[in-house]
């Protein structure tokens, strides 16, 4: 069911991180789950300015990012740099929207999906909602599992071709590396709090804010304690301007 893609995707270096320059979400969707139903064997990680800054400061985080096969632009600060350097359009691809669109595609092409992470009740809601949409969910394990070896065996035995892990970075990416070692013929995606958003347990920014690339501002207004994280973006902007990244 898995095959390699014949279409090479350009990568742009932003600091130490190579980011895949997908023109838009549609291109990435068809790259992961192709029109013939085959699935890209590898993993994807969302890249935003905060992750690039952290990668510059923390070699372990950089190593986790470099382990991913696809690093897509989920941050307007990353998109703007890529557009300038490529001199062509590059679209921001929010991880939450990408996962939901991939689930629609998984239903269409009957791609078996395994869910990992989140609280038990949120995971159950996610699984039930996906099954109602026609997604073939072949297994689900919440984020409070005790026996990792048992989880790895369950995923391998399930025949999953798409595994999404909702445990936050870098924990989810490190787990993905360990699962891939025993079940490589599969696509893996770390999705953070996506299950909570998908089930309505956490409210996402209104559509207009997202369209205007102001989702960060909405989150800041809703959670003022994020101000320290947002101020780091000025450092990112300055480093871009002086050519450090």
Protein backbone atom coordinates (compact mmCIF):
# COMPACT_ATOMS: atom_id res chain seq x y z
CA UNK A 1 0.00 0.00 0.00
CA UNK A 2 2.98 2.26 0.49
CA UNK A 3 5.06 3.68 -2.32
CA UNK A 4 7.61 6.40 -2.81
CA UNK A 5 6.78 9.70 -4.45
CA UNK A 6 8.39 10.63 -7.76
CA UNK A 7 7.87 14.34 -7.12
CA UNK A 8 10.69 16.03 -5.26
CA UNK A 9 9.68 18.83 -2.90
CA UNK A 10 12.10 21.72 -2.47
CA UNK A 11 13.43 22.42 1.02
CA UNK A 12 14.38 25.81 2.42
CA UNK A 13 16.85 26.17 5.27
CA UNK A 14 15.65 28.43 8.07
CA UNK A 15 18.38 28.41 10.66
CA UNK A 16 19.27 24.75 11.22
CA UNK A 17 15.87 23.47 10.02
CA UNK A 18 15.08 22.36 6.48
CA UNK A 19 11.39 23.08 5.76
CA UNK A 20 9.53 21.38 2.90
CA UNK A 21 8.13 24.00 0.52
CA UNK A 22 4.66 22.67 -0.22
CA UNK A 23 2.72 25.20 -2.27
CA UNK A 24 -0.51 24.48 -0.40
CA UNK A 25 -2.32 21.92 1.72
CA UNK A 26 -3.76 20.10 -1.30
CA UNK A 27 -0.26 19.28 -2.51
CA UNK A 28 0.75 17.94 0.91
CA UNK A 29 -2.44 15.91 1.23
CA UNK A 30 -1.87 14.13 -2.07
CA UNK A 31 1.80 13.64 -1.16
CA UNK A 32 0.85 11.75 2.03
CA UNK A 33 -2.25 9.84 0.87
CA UNK A 34 -2.00 9.56 -2.89
CA UNK A 35 -4.76 9.34 -5.45
CA UNK A 36 -4.04 5.62 -5.96
CA UNK A 37 -4.60 4.98 -2.24
CA UNK A 38 -0.93 4.43 -1.41
CA UNK A 39 0.50 6.07 1.69
CA UNK A 40 3.80 7.88 2.23
CA UNK A 41 5.95 5.92 4.68
CA UNK A 42 7.53 8.47 7.01
CA UNK A 43 6.69 11.15 9.53
CA UNK A 44 5.72 14.81 9.46
CA UNK A 45 6.29 17.64 11.93
CA UNK A 46 4.87 21.17 11.94
CA UNK A 47 7.43 23.99 11.93
CA UNK A 48 6.82 27.47 13.32
CA UNK A 49 9.17 30.28 14.49
CA UNK A 50 9.12 29.05 18.08
CA UNK A 51 10.32 25.60 17.03
CA UNK A 52 13.14 27.10 14.97
CA UNK A 53 14.29 29.21 17.93
CA UNK A 54 14.15 26.18 20.22
CA UNK A 55 16.10 24.13 17.67
CA UNK A 56 18.80 26.80 17.67
CA UNK A 57 19.06 26.61 21.46
CA UNK A 58 18.49 22.90 22.10
CA UNK A 59 20.40 20.23 20.14
CA UNK A 60 18.02 17.51 21.35
CA UNK A 61 14.99 19.34 19.91
CA UNK A 62 16.90 19.91 16.66
CA UNK A 63 17.66 16.19 16.48
CA UNK A 64 13.95 15.37 16.93
CA UNK A 65 13.00 17.79 14.14
CA UNK A 66 15.66 16.39 11.81
CA UNK A 67 14.36 12.86 12.36
CA UNK A 68 11.07 13.80 10.66
CA UNK A 69 10.84 13.16 6.92
CA UNK A 70 8.47 16.06 6.19
CA UNK A 71 8.75 19.43 7.94
CA UNK A 72 5.86 21.62 6.82
CA UNK A 73 5.28 25.32 7.49
CA UNK A 74 2.74 25.83 10.29
CA UNK A 75 3.59 29.42 11.18
CA UNK A 76 3.21 32.62 9.20
CA UNK A 77 6.72 33.72 10.18
CA UNK A 78 8.13 30.61 8.51
CA UNK A 79 5.90 31.03 5.45
CA UNK A 80 6.99 34.64 4.87
CA UNK A 81 10.68 33.68 4.92
CA UNK A 82 10.08 30.80 2.52
CA UNK A 83 8.09 32.98 0.12
CA UNK A 84 10.85 35.58 0.06
CA UNK A 85 13.58 33.06 -0.60
CA UNK A 86 11.66 31.03 -3.17
CA UNK A 87 9.98 34.00 -4.86
CA UNK A 88 6.77 32.02 -5.18
CA UNK A 89 3.65 31.36 -3.07
CA UNK A 90 3.93 29.04 -0.07
CA UNK A 91 0.81 28.47 1.99
CA UNK A 92 0.65 28.09 5.76
CA UNK A 93 -0.53 24.60 6.67
CA UNK A 94 -2.02 24.43 10.19
CA UNK A 95 -1.42 21.01 11.70
CA UNK A 96 -4.94 20.73 13.09
CA UNK A 97 -6.52 21.39 9.68
CA UNK A 98 -4.04 19.08 7.95
CA UNK A 99 -4.90 16.17 10.24
CA UNK A 100 -8.65 16.65 9.75
CA UNK A 101 -8.24 16.83 5.97
CA UNK A 102 -6.10 13.69 6.05
CA UNK A 103 -8.82 11.90 8.02
CA UNK A 104 -11.31 12.77 5.27
CA UNK A 105 -8.85 11.35 2.75
CA UNK A 106 -8.31 8.26 4.91
CA UNK A 107 -12.06 7.64 4.85
CA UNK A 108 -12.16 8.07 1.08
CA UNK A 109 -9.26 5.70 0.38
CA UNK A 110 -9.92 3.30 3.28
CA UNK A 111 -6.57 3.93 4.96
CA UNK A 112 -6.47 2.16 8.37
CA UNK A 113 -5.81 4.66 11.18
CA UNK A 114 -4.49 4.15 14.71
CA UNK A 115 -4.97 6.90 17.32
CA UNK A 116 -2.60 7.49 20.23
CA UNK A 117 -2.77 10.09 22.98
CA UNK A 118 -5.13 12.45 24.82
CA UNK A 119 -7.33 11.71 27.82
CA UNK A 120 -9.42 8.51 27.64
CA UNK A 121 -12.72 10.37 27.22
CA UNK A 122 -11.32 12.67 24.51
CA UNK A 123 -9.80 9.72 22.66
CA UNK A 124 -13.13 7.88 22.75
CA UNK A 125 -14.94 10.92 21.37
CA UNK A 126 -12.31 11.29 18.63
CA UNK A 127 -12.54 7.64 17.63
CA UNK A 128 -16.35 7.66 17.58
CA UNK A 129 -16.52 10.87 15.54
CA UNK A 130 -13.99 9.57 13.01
CA UNK A 131 -15.86 6.29 12.64
CA UNK A 132 -19.07 8.21 12.00
CA UNK A 133 -17.19 9.98 9.19
CA UNK A 134 -16.23 6.62 7.71
CA UNK A 135 -12.61 6.55 8.84
CA UNK A 136 -11.40 2.95 9.39
CA UNK A 137 -10.01 3.34 12.92
CA UNK A 138 -8.22 0.06 13.68
CA UNK A 139 -7.09 0.94 17.19
CA UNK A 140 -6.85 3.65 19.84
CA UNK A 141 -4.69 4.02 22.95
CA UNK A 142 -4.92 7.03 25.26
CA UNK A 143 -1.89 8.98 26.42
CA UNK A 144 -1.83 7.34 29.86
CA UNK A 145 -0.72 3.89 28.74
CA UNK A 146 1.65 2.03 31.07
CA UNK A 147 3.16 -0.61 28.77
CA UNK A 148 4.87 0.87 25.71
CA UNK A 149 5.91 -2.54 24.38
CA UNK A 150 2.25 -3.56 24.38
CA UNK A 151 1.32 -0.38 22.51
CA UNK A 152 3.97 -1.00 19.85
CA UNK A 153 2.77 -4.57 19.37
CA UNK A 154 -0.87 -3.44 19.14
CA UNK A 155 -0.05 -0.90 16.43
CA UNK A 156 1.98 -3.43 14.46
CA UNK A 157 -0.76 -6.06 14.74
CA UNK A 158 -3.48 -3.58 13.72
CA UNK A 159 -2.15 -3.14 10.19
CA UNK A 160 -2.37 0.65 10.56
CA UNK A 161 -1.01 2.77 7.73
CA UNK A 162 -1.58 6.10 9.48
CA UNK A 163 -0.73 6.69 13.14
CA UNK A 164 -1.41 10.04 14.80
CA UNK A 165 0.04 10.77 18.22
CA UNK A 166 -1.41 13.51 20.46
CA UNK A 167 1.03 13.90 23.33
CA UNK A 168 2.75 17.26 22.73
CA UNK A 169 6.25 17.97 21.43
CA UNK A 170 8.83 16.53 21.69
CA UNK A 171 7.28 13.58 23.57
CA UNK A 172 5.06 12.57 20.65
CA UNK A 173 7.92 12.74 18.13
CA UNK A 174 10.18 10.61 20.34
CA UNK A 175 7.43 8.00 20.66
CA UNK A 176 6.91 8.06 16.90
CA UNK A 177 10.59 7.23 16.40
CA UNK A 178 10.23 4.16 18.62
CA UNK A 179 7.04 3.00 16.91
CA UNK A 180 8.60 3.40 13.45
CA UNK A 181 11.43 1.08 14.47
CA UNK A 182 8.95 -1.82 14.71
CA UNK A 183 6.32 -0.66 12.18
CA UNK A 184 8.05 1.34 9.42
CA UNK A 185 5.51 0.90 6.61
CA UNK A 186 3.27 3.67 7.88
CA UNK A 187 2.74 7.44 8.00
CA UNK A 188 3.18 9.14 11.38
CA UNK A 189 2.01 12.55 12.53
CA UNK A 190 2.35 14.29 15.89
CA UNK A 191 -0.81 16.31 16.45
CA UNK A 192 -0.54 17.91 19.91
CA UNK A 193 -3.98 19.06 21.10
CA UNK A 194 -5.76 18.34 17.82
CA UNK A 195 -8.10 15.70 19.28
CA UNK A 196 -9.35 18.24 21.82
CA UNK A 197 -10.09 20.75 19.06
CA UNK A 198 -11.66 18.11 16.81
CA UNK A 199 -14.08 17.02 19.54
CA UNK A 200 -14.94 20.55 20.62
CA UNK A 201 -13.32 20.24 24.06
CA UNK A 202 -10.99 23.11 23.21
CA UNK A 203 -12.11 26.11 21.18
CA UNK A 204 -9.93 27.13 18.26
CA UNK A 205 -9.59 30.70 17.01
CA UNK A 206 -12.54 31.88 14.84
CA UNK A 207 -12.15 31.29 11.11
CA UNK A 208 -11.54 34.97 10.31
CA UNK A 209 -8.64 35.16 12.76
CA UNK A 210 -7.13 32.03 11.17
CA UNK A 211 -7.62 33.41 7.66
CA UNK A 212 -5.81 36.61 8.64
CA UNK A 213 -2.98 34.59 10.21
CA UNK A 214 -3.83 36.04 13.63
CA UNK A 215 -4.43 32.77 15.44
CA UNK A 216 -1.39 33.52 17.63
CA UNK A 217 -2.99 36.82 18.73
CA UNK A 218 -6.28 35.09 19.58
CA UNK A 219 -4.43 32.53 21.71
CA UNK A 220 -2.56 35.33 23.45
CA UNK A 221 -5.79 37.18 24.28
CA UNK A 222 -7.36 33.95 25.54
CA UNK A 223 -4.23 33.00 27.51
CA UNK A 224 -2.18 36.10 28.49
CA UNK A 225 0.40 33.86 30.19
CA UNK A 226 1.67 33.06 26.68
CA UNK A 227 3.19 36.55 26.43
CA UNK A 228 6.69 35.26 27.16
CA UNK A 229 6.48 32.79 24.29
CA UNK A 230 5.12 35.41 21.91
CA UNK A 231 7.86 37.91 22.75
CA UNK A 232 10.39 35.39 21.48
CA UNK A 233 8.95 35.99 18.02
CA UNK A 234 10.61 39.41 18.00
CA UNK A 235 13.95 37.66 18.35
CA UNK A 236 13.03 35.44 15.41
CA UNK A 237 12.12 38.48 13.31
CA UNK A 238 15.36 40.25 14.23
CA UNK A 239 17.47 37.22 13.39
CA UNK A 240 15.71 36.93 10.04
CA UNK A 241 16.39 40.60 9.29
CA UNK A 242 20.10 40.36 10.11
CA UNK A 243 20.47 37.08 8.22
CA UNK A 244 21.22 34.87 11.22
CA UNK A 245 18.47 32.46 10.17
